[in-house]
């Protein structure tokens, strides 16, 4: 039971970040103070139904997803897609923390670059369509079968070329974990886009 409760905080943080929601925004929606939400996510506050029910409602997820209750008697993995802007994302990993995998379909409306930075390392693989990747001073188009990896502390953005949707696999390491081990790192450090 203690292990289940200890995993709730990281899971709450992961679900909130997946949805691009800030602690302040979640506080406004749930009526739970930012400090209480922060302590819940860090494991300093013990979760209870009074706190978890409004959070589940705000994220529109079942309560068992917040607490990580195992499905009973059904071995199928139930993937729950969600939308972020013009992208439909299907999480392929269920555990909080560590590298996360997503299948994404990005629509044509997401075609105007809006570069941003954050901690982490990302690897993208194009399944179908064409992906436009803007990374620092680079602006490249990747086709089906091509991949790129980069340090997300560099200004970056990716989306469709505007002509058709693009389907991709994304592996993201929030702590900067690299997805591939290379024999030699790039000169100049910081990572860069590489097609394979």
N, C-alpha and C. Protein backbone atom coordinates (compact mmCIF):
# COMPACT_ATOMS: atom_id res chain seq x y z
N UNK A 1 0.82 -1.20 0.00
CA UNK A 1 0.00 0.00 0.00
C UNK A 1 0.86 1.26 0.00
N UNK A 2 1.96 1.25 0.78
CA UNK A 2 2.83 2.42 0.85
C UNK A 2 3.45 2.71 -0.53
N UNK A 3 3.82 1.63 -1.25
CA UNK A 3 4.40 1.82 -2.59
C UNK A 3 3.38 2.46 -3.53
N UNK A 4 2.13 2.02 -3.43
CA UNK A 4 1.06 2.59 -4.28
C UNK A 4 0.89 4.06 -3.97
N UNK A 5 0.83 4.41 -2.68
CA UNK A 5 0.66 5.81 -2.29
C UNK A 5 1.85 6.66 -2.70
N UNK A 6 3.06 6.09 -2.59
CA UNK A 6 4.27 6.85 -2.95
C UNK A 6 4.31 7.16 -4.44
N UNK A 7 3.66 6.32 -5.26
CA UNK A 7 3.68 6.54 -6.72
C UNK A 7 2.63 7.54 -7.17
N UNK A 8 1.70 7.92 -6.28
CA UNK A 8 0.61 8.82 -6.68
C UNK A 8 1.13 10.19 -7.04
N UNK A 9 2.05 10.75 -6.22
CA UNK A 9 2.57 12.10 -6.47
C UNK A 9 3.19 12.25 -7.84
N UNK A 10 4.19 11.39 -8.19
CA UNK A 10 4.78 11.48 -9.53
C UNK A 10 3.76 11.30 -10.64
N UNK A 11 2.75 10.43 -10.41
CA UNK A 11 1.72 10.20 -11.43
C UNK A 11 0.87 11.46 -11.62
N UNK A 12 0.52 12.13 -10.52
CA UNK A 12 -0.26 13.37 -10.61
C UNK A 12 0.51 14.42 -11.41
N UNK A 13 1.79 14.55 -11.13
CA UNK A 13 2.62 15.54 -11.83
C UNK A 13 2.70 15.21 -13.32
N UNK A 14 2.91 13.92 -13.61
CA UNK A 14 3.03 13.48 -15.00
C UNK A 14 1.74 13.77 -15.78
N UNK A 15 0.58 13.43 -15.20
CA UNK A 15 -0.70 13.65 -15.88
C UNK A 15 -0.92 15.15 -16.10
N UNK A 16 -0.60 15.96 -15.09
CA UNK A 16 -0.77 17.41 -15.23
C UNK A 16 0.13 17.96 -16.33
N UNK A 17 1.40 17.52 -16.35
CA UNK A 17 2.33 18.03 -17.36
C UNK A 17 1.96 17.54 -18.76
N UNK A 18 1.44 16.32 -18.86
CA UNK A 18 0.98 15.80 -20.16
C UNK A 18 -0.06 16.71 -20.77
N UNK A 19 -0.88 17.29 -19.91
CA UNK A 19 -1.96 18.14 -20.39
C UNK A 19 -1.56 19.60 -20.50
N UNK A 20 -0.28 19.89 -20.22
CA UNK A 20 0.20 21.26 -20.33
C UNK A 20 -0.45 22.19 -19.31
N UNK A 21 -0.78 21.66 -18.16
CA UNK A 21 -1.49 22.42 -17.12
C UNK A 21 -0.52 22.86 -16.03
N UNK A 22 -0.59 24.10 -15.60
CA UNK A 22 0.26 24.60 -14.51
C UNK A 22 -0.41 24.31 -13.17
N UNK A 23 0.39 24.37 -12.11
CA UNK A 23 -0.17 24.20 -10.77
C UNK A 23 -1.20 25.29 -10.48
N UNK A 24 -0.91 26.52 -10.92
CA UNK A 24 -1.83 27.63 -10.69
C UNK A 24 -3.17 27.39 -11.38
N UNK A 25 -3.12 26.90 -12.64
CA UNK A 25 -4.36 26.64 -13.38
C UNK A 25 -5.16 25.50 -12.73
N UNK A 26 -4.45 24.46 -12.29
CA UNK A 26 -5.13 23.33 -11.63
C UNK A 26 -5.73 23.79 -10.30
N UNK A 27 -5.03 24.65 -9.58
CA UNK A 27 -5.54 25.19 -8.32
C UNK A 27 -6.83 25.96 -8.55
N UNK A 28 -6.86 26.76 -9.61
CA UNK A 28 -8.06 27.55 -9.92
C UNK A 28 -9.24 26.64 -10.25
N UNK A 29 -8.98 25.55 -10.98
CA UNK A 29 -10.05 24.63 -11.39
C UNK A 29 -10.57 23.80 -10.22
N UNK A 30 -9.65 23.36 -9.34
CA UNK A 30 -10.04 22.43 -8.27
C UNK A 30 -10.37 23.11 -6.95
N UNK A 31 -9.87 24.34 -6.76
CA UNK A 31 -10.05 24.99 -5.46
C UNK A 31 -9.06 24.52 -4.42
N UNK A 32 -8.08 23.71 -4.84
CA UNK A 32 -7.02 23.23 -3.94
C UNK A 32 -5.83 24.17 -4.08
N UNK A 33 -5.24 24.57 -2.96
CA UNK A 33 -4.15 25.54 -3.02
C UNK A 33 -2.95 25.00 -3.79
N UNK A 34 -2.18 25.92 -4.38
CA UNK A 34 -0.98 25.55 -5.13
C UNK A 34 -0.01 24.80 -4.23
N UNK A 35 0.15 25.25 -2.98
CA UNK A 35 1.10 24.59 -2.08
C UNK A 35 0.67 23.16 -1.77
N UNK A 36 -0.64 22.92 -1.60
CA UNK A 36 -1.13 21.56 -1.35
C UNK A 36 -0.90 20.68 -2.58
N UNK A 37 -1.19 21.20 -3.77
CA UNK A 37 -0.97 20.44 -5.00
C UNK A 37 0.51 20.11 -5.16
N UNK A 38 1.38 21.08 -4.87
CA UNK A 38 2.82 20.87 -4.99
C UNK A 38 3.29 19.80 -4.01
N UNK A 39 2.78 19.83 -2.77
CA UNK A 39 3.17 18.83 -1.78
C UNK A 39 2.64 17.44 -2.14
N UNK A 40 1.45 17.40 -2.76
CA UNK A 40 0.91 16.12 -3.23
C UNK A 40 1.83 15.51 -4.28
N UNK A 41 2.24 16.34 -5.25
CA UNK A 41 3.08 15.85 -6.35
C UNK A 41 4.47 15.43 -5.87
N UNK A 42 4.98 16.11 -4.85
CA UNK A 42 6.33 15.78 -4.35
C UNK A 42 6.30 14.66 -3.32
N UNK A 43 5.10 14.21 -2.92
CA UNK A 43 4.99 13.13 -1.95
C UNK A 43 5.03 13.60 -0.50
N UNK A 44 5.03 14.92 -0.29
CA UNK A 44 5.06 15.45 1.08
C UNK A 44 3.67 15.48 1.71
N UNK A 45 2.64 15.35 0.89
CA UNK A 45 1.25 15.33 1.38
C UNK A 45 0.63 14.00 0.97
N UNK A 46 0.01 13.32 1.93
CA UNK A 46 -0.62 12.03 1.65
C UNK A 46 -1.91 12.24 0.86
N UNK A 47 -2.09 11.51 -0.25
CA UNK A 47 -3.30 11.69 -1.05
C UNK A 47 -4.53 11.13 -0.34
N UNK A 48 -5.68 11.78 -0.55
CA UNK A 48 -6.95 11.27 -0.04
C UNK A 48 -8.03 11.59 -1.07
N UNK A 49 -9.20 11.00 -0.89
CA UNK A 49 -10.28 11.16 -1.86
C UNK A 49 -10.71 12.62 -2.00
N UNK A 50 -10.70 13.36 -0.90
CA UNK A 50 -11.12 14.76 -0.93
C UNK A 50 -10.24 15.58 -1.88
N UNK A 51 -8.96 15.20 -2.01
CA UNK A 51 -8.04 15.90 -2.91
C UNK A 51 -8.04 15.28 -4.30
N UNK A 52 -8.10 13.95 -4.37
CA UNK A 52 -7.96 13.27 -5.66
C UNK A 52 -9.20 13.40 -6.55
N UNK A 53 -10.39 13.42 -5.96
CA UNK A 53 -11.61 13.51 -6.78
C UNK A 53 -11.67 14.79 -7.62
N UNK A 54 -11.41 15.99 -7.02
CA UNK A 54 -11.45 17.19 -7.87
C UNK A 54 -10.34 17.20 -8.93
N UNK A 55 -9.19 16.60 -8.61
CA UNK A 55 -8.09 16.56 -9.58
C UNK A 55 -8.47 15.64 -10.75
N UNK A 56 -9.08 14.49 -10.43
CA UNK A 56 -9.54 13.57 -11.48
C UNK A 56 -10.57 14.25 -12.37
N UNK A 57 -11.49 15.02 -11.75
CA UNK A 57 -12.50 15.75 -12.53
C UNK A 57 -11.86 16.79 -13.42
N UNK A 58 -10.89 17.52 -12.88
CA UNK A 58 -10.23 18.58 -13.64
C UNK A 58 -9.51 18.03 -14.86
N UNK A 59 -8.86 16.87 -14.69
CA UNK A 59 -8.11 16.26 -15.80
C UNK A 59 -8.99 15.37 -16.67
N UNK A 60 -10.25 15.14 -16.21
CA UNK A 60 -11.19 14.27 -16.92
C UNK A 60 -10.62 12.87 -17.11
N UNK A 61 -10.09 12.32 -16.01
CA UNK A 61 -9.56 10.95 -16.02
C UNK A 61 -10.22 10.17 -14.89
N UNK A 62 -10.32 8.84 -15.01
CA UNK A 62 -10.87 8.05 -13.91
C UNK A 62 -9.94 8.12 -12.70
N UNK A 63 -10.51 8.01 -11.53
CA UNK A 63 -9.74 8.05 -10.30
C UNK A 63 -8.65 6.98 -10.27
N UNK A 64 -8.97 5.79 -10.81
CA UNK A 64 -7.98 4.70 -10.76
C UNK A 64 -6.73 5.02 -11.59
N UNK A 65 -6.86 5.94 -12.57
CA UNK A 65 -5.67 6.34 -13.34
C UNK A 65 -4.74 7.20 -12.48
N UNK A 66 -5.32 7.98 -11.57
CA UNK A 66 -4.50 8.81 -10.68
C UNK A 66 -3.74 7.97 -9.66
N UNK A 67 -4.39 6.91 -9.19
CA UNK A 67 -3.74 6.10 -8.16
C UNK A 67 -3.03 4.87 -8.72
N UNK A 68 -3.18 4.65 -10.03
CA UNK A 68 -2.47 3.54 -10.66
C UNK A 68 -3.04 2.18 -10.31
N UNK A 69 -4.35 2.13 -10.08
CA UNK A 69 -4.97 0.84 -9.76
C UNK A 69 -4.85 -0.10 -10.95
N UNK A 70 -4.35 -1.33 -10.73
CA UNK A 70 -4.20 -2.26 -11.84
C UNK A 70 -5.56 -2.73 -12.36
N UNK A 71 -5.71 -2.89 -13.69
CA UNK A 71 -6.96 -3.43 -14.21
C UNK A 71 -7.16 -4.86 -13.73
N UNK A 72 -8.39 -5.21 -13.44
CA UNK A 72 -8.66 -6.54 -12.90
C UNK A 72 -9.20 -7.46 -13.99
N UNK A 73 -8.52 -8.57 -14.20
CA UNK A 73 -9.01 -9.61 -15.08
C UNK A 73 -8.95 -9.32 -16.56
N UNK A 74 -8.43 -8.19 -16.99
CA UNK A 74 -8.38 -7.87 -18.42
C UNK A 74 -6.95 -7.49 -18.78
N UNK A 75 -6.26 -8.31 -19.56
CA UNK A 75 -4.85 -8.05 -19.85
C UNK A 75 -4.61 -6.99 -20.91
N UNK A 76 -5.68 -6.52 -21.56
CA UNK A 76 -5.49 -5.54 -22.63
C UNK A 76 -5.01 -4.20 -22.07
N UNK A 77 -4.12 -3.57 -22.80
CA UNK A 77 -3.67 -2.23 -22.44
C UNK A 77 -4.63 -1.24 -23.09
N UNK A 78 -5.22 -0.39 -22.29
CA UNK A 78 -6.19 0.58 -22.81
C UNK A 78 -5.50 1.93 -22.97
N UNK A 79 -5.17 2.25 -24.21
CA UNK A 79 -4.51 3.51 -24.50
C UNK A 79 -5.55 4.62 -24.57
N UNK A 80 -5.29 5.72 -23.85
CA UNK A 80 -6.26 6.81 -23.80
C UNK A 80 -5.67 8.04 -24.47
N UNK A 81 -6.07 8.29 -25.72
CA UNK A 81 -5.55 9.46 -26.40
C UNK A 81 -6.07 10.75 -25.79
N UNK A 82 -5.30 11.82 -25.93
CA UNK A 82 -5.76 13.15 -25.52
C UNK A 82 -5.28 14.15 -26.55
N UNK A 83 -5.91 15.31 -26.56
CA UNK A 83 -5.56 16.34 -27.54
C UNK A 83 -4.80 17.46 -26.86
N UNK A 84 -3.81 17.97 -27.58
CA UNK A 84 -3.10 19.19 -27.17
C UNK A 84 -3.01 20.06 -28.42
N UNK A 85 -3.85 21.07 -28.48
CA UNK A 85 -3.90 21.90 -29.68
C UNK A 85 -4.37 21.08 -30.86
N UNK A 86 -3.59 21.09 -31.95
CA UNK A 86 -3.95 20.36 -33.17
C UNK A 86 -3.33 18.97 -33.20
N UNK A 87 -2.80 18.51 -32.06
CA UNK A 87 -2.15 17.19 -32.02
C UNK A 87 -2.96 16.22 -31.16
N UNK A 88 -3.12 14.99 -31.66
CA UNK A 88 -3.71 13.91 -30.86
C UNK A 88 -2.55 13.05 -30.39
N UNK A 89 -2.47 12.85 -29.07
CA UNK A 89 -1.35 12.12 -28.49
C UNK A 89 -1.85 10.87 -27.78
N UNK A 90 -1.15 9.76 -28.03
CA UNK A 90 -1.46 8.50 -27.36
C UNK A 90 -0.26 8.11 -26.52
N UNK A 91 -0.36 8.17 -25.18
CA UNK A 91 0.78 7.77 -24.35
C UNK A 91 1.00 6.26 -24.46
N UNK A 92 2.24 5.86 -24.73
CA UNK A 92 2.58 4.45 -24.87
C UNK A 92 3.27 3.91 -23.63
N UNK A 93 3.62 4.81 -22.70
CA UNK A 93 4.20 4.40 -21.43
C UNK A 93 3.21 4.76 -20.33
N UNK A 94 3.19 3.94 -19.28
CA UNK A 94 2.21 4.16 -18.22
C UNK A 94 2.86 4.58 -16.91
N UNK A 95 4.15 4.28 -16.73
CA UNK A 95 4.78 4.60 -15.46
C UNK A 95 5.22 6.06 -15.44
N UNK A 96 5.07 6.72 -14.27
CA UNK A 96 5.53 8.10 -14.17
C UNK A 96 7.06 8.17 -14.07
N UNK A 97 7.63 9.28 -14.50
CA UNK A 97 9.08 9.45 -14.44
C UNK A 97 9.78 8.70 -15.54
N UNK A 98 11.03 9.06 -15.80
CA UNK A 98 11.82 8.39 -16.82
C UNK A 98 11.34 8.73 -18.22
N UNK A 99 11.96 8.14 -19.23
CA UNK A 99 11.57 8.44 -20.61
C UNK A 99 10.11 8.06 -20.88
N UNK A 100 9.43 8.92 -21.65
CA UNK A 100 8.03 8.71 -21.98
C UNK A 100 7.90 8.54 -23.50
N UNK A 101 7.04 7.64 -23.91
CA UNK A 101 6.81 7.39 -25.34
C UNK A 101 5.40 7.79 -25.72
N UNK A 102 5.26 8.44 -26.88
CA UNK A 102 3.96 8.87 -27.39
C UNK A 102 3.87 8.57 -28.87
N UNK A 103 2.67 8.23 -29.33
CA UNK A 103 2.36 8.25 -30.75
C UNK A 103 1.55 9.52 -30.95
N UNK A 104 1.91 10.31 -31.95
CA UNK A 104 1.24 11.59 -32.17
C UNK A 104 0.79 11.72 -33.62
N UNK A 105 -0.38 12.31 -33.79
CA UNK A 105 -0.84 12.72 -35.12
C UNK A 105 -1.03 14.24 -35.04
N UNK A 106 -0.24 14.95 -35.83
CA UNK A 106 -0.26 16.41 -35.82
C UNK A 106 -0.98 16.90 -37.06
N UNK A 107 -2.02 17.70 -36.86
CA UNK A 107 -2.82 18.21 -37.97
C UNK A 107 -2.16 19.37 -38.69
N UNK A 108 -2.77 19.79 -39.78
CA UNK A 108 -2.19 20.84 -40.62
C UNK A 108 -2.24 22.22 -39.98
N UNK A 109 -3.10 22.42 -38.97
CA UNK A 109 -3.19 23.73 -38.33
C UNK A 109 -1.93 24.06 -37.54
N UNK A 110 -1.21 23.02 -37.12
CA UNK A 110 0.03 23.24 -36.37
C UNK A 110 1.19 23.32 -37.37
N UNK A 111 1.30 24.47 -38.01
CA UNK A 111 2.33 24.62 -39.04
C UNK A 111 3.11 25.92 -38.91
N UNK A 112 2.78 26.74 -37.90
CA UNK A 112 3.50 27.99 -37.68
C UNK A 112 4.45 27.80 -36.51
N UNK A 113 5.77 27.89 -36.74
CA UNK A 113 6.73 27.63 -35.66
C UNK A 113 6.58 28.58 -34.48
N UNK A 114 6.59 28.00 -33.29
CA UNK A 114 6.60 28.75 -32.03
C UNK A 114 7.63 28.06 -31.13
N UNK A 115 8.93 28.28 -31.39
CA UNK A 115 9.98 27.58 -30.64
C UNK A 115 9.92 27.86 -29.14
N UNK A 116 10.25 26.83 -28.37
CA UNK A 116 10.31 26.96 -26.92
C UNK A 116 11.43 26.09 -26.39
N UNK A 117 11.75 26.24 -25.13
CA UNK A 117 12.81 25.45 -24.50
C UNK A 117 12.29 24.88 -23.19
N UNK A 118 12.86 23.74 -22.79
CA UNK A 118 12.58 23.13 -21.48
C UNK A 118 13.61 22.05 -21.25
N UNK A 119 13.69 21.58 -20.04
CA UNK A 119 14.63 20.50 -19.73
C UNK A 119 14.21 19.22 -20.46
N UNK A 120 15.18 18.45 -20.88
CA UNK A 120 14.87 17.14 -21.45
C UNK A 120 15.63 16.85 -22.73
N UNK A 121 15.30 15.70 -23.31
CA UNK A 121 15.93 15.24 -24.55
C UNK A 121 14.84 14.51 -25.32
N UNK A 122 14.73 14.78 -26.61
CA UNK A 122 13.64 14.18 -27.39
C UNK A 122 14.16 13.48 -28.63
N UNK A 123 13.48 12.39 -28.98
CA UNK A 123 13.77 11.63 -30.18
C UNK A 123 12.45 11.49 -30.93
N UNK A 124 12.45 11.84 -32.21
CA UNK A 124 11.23 11.79 -33.03
C UNK A 124 11.45 10.87 -34.23
N UNK A 125 10.46 10.06 -34.55
CA UNK A 125 10.51 9.18 -35.72
C UNK A 125 9.23 9.39 -36.52
N UNK A 126 9.37 9.67 -37.81
CA UNK A 126 8.20 9.94 -38.66
C UNK A 126 7.64 8.63 -39.21
N UNK A 127 6.39 8.35 -38.87
CA UNK A 127 5.71 7.14 -39.37
C UNK A 127 5.09 7.39 -40.74
N UNK A 128 4.44 8.54 -40.90
CA UNK A 128 3.84 8.89 -42.19
C UNK A 128 3.73 10.40 -42.30
N UNK A 129 3.69 10.89 -43.52
CA UNK A 129 3.61 12.33 -43.75
C UNK A 129 4.98 12.98 -43.66
N UNK A 130 4.98 14.30 -43.52
CA UNK A 130 6.23 15.04 -43.42
C UNK A 130 6.20 15.92 -42.18
N UNK A 131 7.29 15.88 -41.42
CA UNK A 131 7.41 16.62 -40.18
C UNK A 131 8.37 17.79 -40.38
N UNK A 132 7.91 18.98 -40.02
CA UNK A 132 8.80 20.14 -40.04
C UNK A 132 9.37 20.33 -38.64
N UNK A 133 10.70 20.38 -38.55
CA UNK A 133 11.37 20.56 -37.27
C UNK A 133 12.21 21.83 -37.32
N UNK A 134 11.92 22.74 -36.40
CA UNK A 134 12.73 23.95 -36.25
C UNK A 134 13.52 23.78 -34.97
N UNK A 135 14.84 23.78 -35.09
CA UNK A 135 15.73 23.55 -33.95
C UNK A 135 16.86 24.56 -34.00
N UNK A 136 16.83 25.53 -33.07
CA UNK A 136 17.80 26.63 -33.07
C UNK A 136 17.80 27.26 -34.46
N UNK A 137 18.95 27.26 -35.17
CA UNK A 137 19.00 27.89 -36.48
C UNK A 137 18.62 26.94 -37.62
N UNK A 138 18.32 25.69 -37.30
CA UNK A 138 17.97 24.70 -38.33
C UNK A 138 16.46 24.67 -38.58
N UNK A 139 16.07 24.49 -39.84
CA UNK A 139 14.67 24.34 -40.22
C UNK A 139 14.65 23.22 -41.25
N UNK A 140 14.25 22.00 -40.81
CA UNK A 140 14.35 20.83 -41.68
C UNK A 140 12.99 20.14 -41.81
N UNK A 141 12.83 19.37 -42.89
CA UNK A 141 11.63 18.57 -43.11
C UNK A 141 12.06 17.11 -43.13
N UNK A 142 11.42 16.30 -42.30
CA UNK A 142 11.71 14.87 -42.25
C UNK A 142 10.54 14.11 -42.85
N UNK A 143 10.85 13.08 -43.62
CA UNK A 143 9.83 12.24 -44.25
C UNK A 143 9.71 10.91 -43.50
N UNK A 144 8.73 10.10 -43.90
CA UNK A 144 8.51 8.80 -43.26
C UNK A 144 9.80 7.99 -43.24
N UNK A 145 10.11 7.42 -42.08
CA UNK A 145 11.32 6.61 -41.94
C UNK A 145 12.51 7.39 -41.42
N UNK A 146 12.40 8.72 -41.31
CA UNK A 146 13.51 9.53 -40.81
C UNK A 146 13.28 9.86 -39.34
N UNK A 147 14.39 10.13 -38.64
CA UNK A 147 14.32 10.43 -37.21
C UNK A 147 15.23 11.60 -36.89
N UNK A 148 14.95 12.23 -35.76
CA UNK A 148 15.79 13.32 -35.26
C UNK A 148 15.85 13.20 -33.74
N UNK A 149 16.97 13.62 -33.16
CA UNK A 149 17.07 13.67 -31.71
C UNK A 149 17.74 14.97 -31.32
N UNK A 150 17.32 15.53 -30.18
CA UNK A 150 17.86 16.83 -29.80
C UNK A 150 17.64 17.12 -28.32
N UNK A 151 18.47 18.01 -27.83
CA UNK A 151 18.38 18.51 -26.47
C UNK A 151 17.29 19.58 -26.45
N UNK A 152 16.26 19.41 -25.61
CA UNK A 152 15.13 20.33 -25.63
C UNK A 152 15.42 21.67 -24.94
N UNK A 153 16.65 21.83 -24.44
CA UNK A 153 17.03 23.15 -23.92
C UNK A 153 17.34 24.10 -25.07
N UNK A 154 17.49 23.54 -26.29
CA UNK A 154 17.63 24.38 -27.48
C UNK A 154 16.23 24.82 -27.92
N UNK A 155 16.08 26.06 -28.43
CA UNK A 155 14.76 26.48 -28.92
C UNK A 155 14.30 25.51 -30.02
N UNK A 156 13.11 24.96 -29.87
CA UNK A 156 12.65 23.96 -30.84
C UNK A 156 11.13 24.04 -31.00
N UNK A 157 10.68 23.51 -32.14
CA UNK A 157 9.26 23.39 -32.46
C UNK A 157 9.15 22.33 -33.54
N UNK A 158 8.08 21.55 -33.51
CA UNK A 158 7.82 20.64 -34.63
C UNK A 158 6.33 20.57 -34.90
N UNK A 159 6.01 20.33 -36.16
CA UNK A 159 4.62 20.25 -36.58
C UNK A 159 4.55 19.77 -38.01
N UNK A 160 3.41 19.97 -38.63
CA UNK A 160 3.25 19.54 -40.02
C UNK A 160 3.82 20.61 -40.95
N UNK A 161 3.95 20.26 -42.21
CA UNK A 161 4.39 21.24 -43.21
C UNK A 161 3.22 22.11 -43.65
N UNK A 162 2.01 21.77 -43.17
CA UNK A 162 0.82 22.52 -43.53
C UNK A 162 0.06 21.90 -44.69
N UNK A 163 0.66 20.88 -45.31
CA UNK A 163 0.02 20.24 -46.48
C UNK A 163 -0.84 19.04 -46.09
N UNK A 164 -0.40 18.29 -45.08
CA UNK A 164 -1.13 17.09 -44.65
C UNK A 164 -0.71 16.77 -43.22
N UNK A 165 -1.55 16.03 -42.48
CA UNK A 165 -1.16 15.64 -41.13
C UNK A 165 0.11 14.77 -41.16
N UNK A 166 0.81 14.72 -40.04
CA UNK A 166 2.00 13.89 -39.90
C UNK A 166 1.84 13.01 -38.67
N UNK A 167 2.25 11.76 -38.80
CA UNK A 167 2.16 10.79 -37.71
C UNK A 167 3.56 10.46 -37.25
N UNK A 168 3.81 10.60 -35.94
CA UNK A 168 5.17 10.39 -35.43
C UNK A 168 5.16 9.58 -34.13
N UNK A 169 6.32 9.00 -33.83
CA UNK A 169 6.60 8.44 -32.52
C UNK A 169 7.53 9.42 -31.82
N UNK A 170 7.27 9.69 -30.56
CA UNK A 170 8.10 10.60 -29.78
C UNK A 170 8.56 9.91 -28.51
N UNK A 171 9.86 9.95 -28.25
CA UNK A 171 10.42 9.49 -26.97
C UNK A 171 10.99 10.72 -26.30
N UNK A 172 10.54 10.97 -25.08
CA UNK A 172 10.98 12.16 -24.38
C UNK A 172 11.52 11.80 -23.00
N UNK A 173 12.73 12.24 -22.72
CA UNK A 173 13.34 12.05 -21.40
C UNK A 173 13.33 13.37 -20.65
N UNK A 174 12.46 13.51 -19.62
CA UNK A 174 12.33 14.80 -18.93
C UNK A 174 13.58 15.22 -18.19
N UNK A 175 14.44 14.27 -17.82
CA UNK A 175 15.66 14.62 -17.11
C UNK A 175 16.86 14.71 -18.05
N UNK A 176 16.60 14.69 -19.36
CA UNK A 176 17.69 14.80 -20.32
C UNK A 176 18.29 13.47 -20.73
N UNK A 177 17.59 12.35 -20.44
CA UNK A 177 18.13 11.06 -20.85
C UNK A 177 18.18 10.96 -22.36
N UNK A 178 19.30 10.52 -22.89
CA UNK A 178 19.40 10.33 -24.34
C UNK A 178 18.72 9.03 -24.72
N UNK A 179 18.10 9.02 -25.88
CA UNK A 179 17.37 7.83 -26.32
C UNK A 179 18.28 6.84 -27.04
N UNK A 180 19.36 7.35 -27.63
CA UNK A 180 20.32 6.51 -28.34
C UNK A 180 21.68 6.72 -27.71
N UNK A 181 22.50 5.70 -27.70
CA UNK A 181 23.88 5.88 -27.27
C UNK A 181 24.72 6.00 -28.52
N UNK A 182 25.41 7.11 -28.67
CA UNK A 182 26.26 7.36 -29.83
C UNK A 182 27.71 7.07 -29.46
N UNK A 183 28.49 6.64 -30.44
CA UNK A 183 29.91 6.37 -30.19
C UNK A 183 30.62 7.65 -29.78
N UNK A 184 30.32 8.76 -30.45
CA UNK A 184 30.94 10.05 -30.13
C UNK A 184 29.87 11.13 -30.17
N UNK A 185 29.84 12.01 -29.15
CA UNK A 185 28.87 13.11 -29.19
C UNK A 185 29.28 14.13 -30.24
N UNK A 186 28.28 14.92 -30.67
CA UNK A 186 28.56 16.00 -31.62
C UNK A 186 29.53 16.99 -31.02
N UNK A 187 30.38 17.57 -31.84
CA UNK A 187 31.22 18.67 -31.37
C UNK A 187 30.32 19.86 -31.11
N UNK A 188 30.66 20.65 -30.13
CA UNK A 188 29.86 21.83 -29.83
C UNK A 188 28.79 21.52 -28.80
N UNK A 189 28.53 20.22 -28.48
CA UNK A 189 27.60 19.84 -27.41
C UNK A 189 26.18 20.30 -27.68
N UNK A 190 25.32 20.02 -26.74
CA UNK A 190 23.95 20.51 -26.79
C UNK A 190 23.03 19.70 -27.68
N UNK A 191 23.53 18.74 -28.44
CA UNK A 191 22.66 17.93 -29.29
C UNK A 191 22.33 18.65 -30.58
N UNK A 192 21.71 17.96 -31.47
CA UNK A 192 21.31 18.56 -32.74
C UNK A 192 20.42 17.62 -33.49
N UNK A 193 19.77 18.10 -34.51
CA UNK A 193 18.87 17.25 -35.30
C UNK A 193 19.71 16.35 -36.16
N UNK A 194 19.33 15.08 -36.19
CA UNK A 194 20.03 14.15 -37.06
C UNK A 194 19.01 13.26 -37.74
N UNK A 195 19.09 13.13 -39.03
CA UNK A 195 18.20 12.21 -39.73
C UNK A 195 18.87 10.85 -39.81
N UNK A 196 18.08 9.79 -39.76
CA UNK A 196 18.62 8.44 -39.86
C UNK A 196 17.93 7.69 -40.98
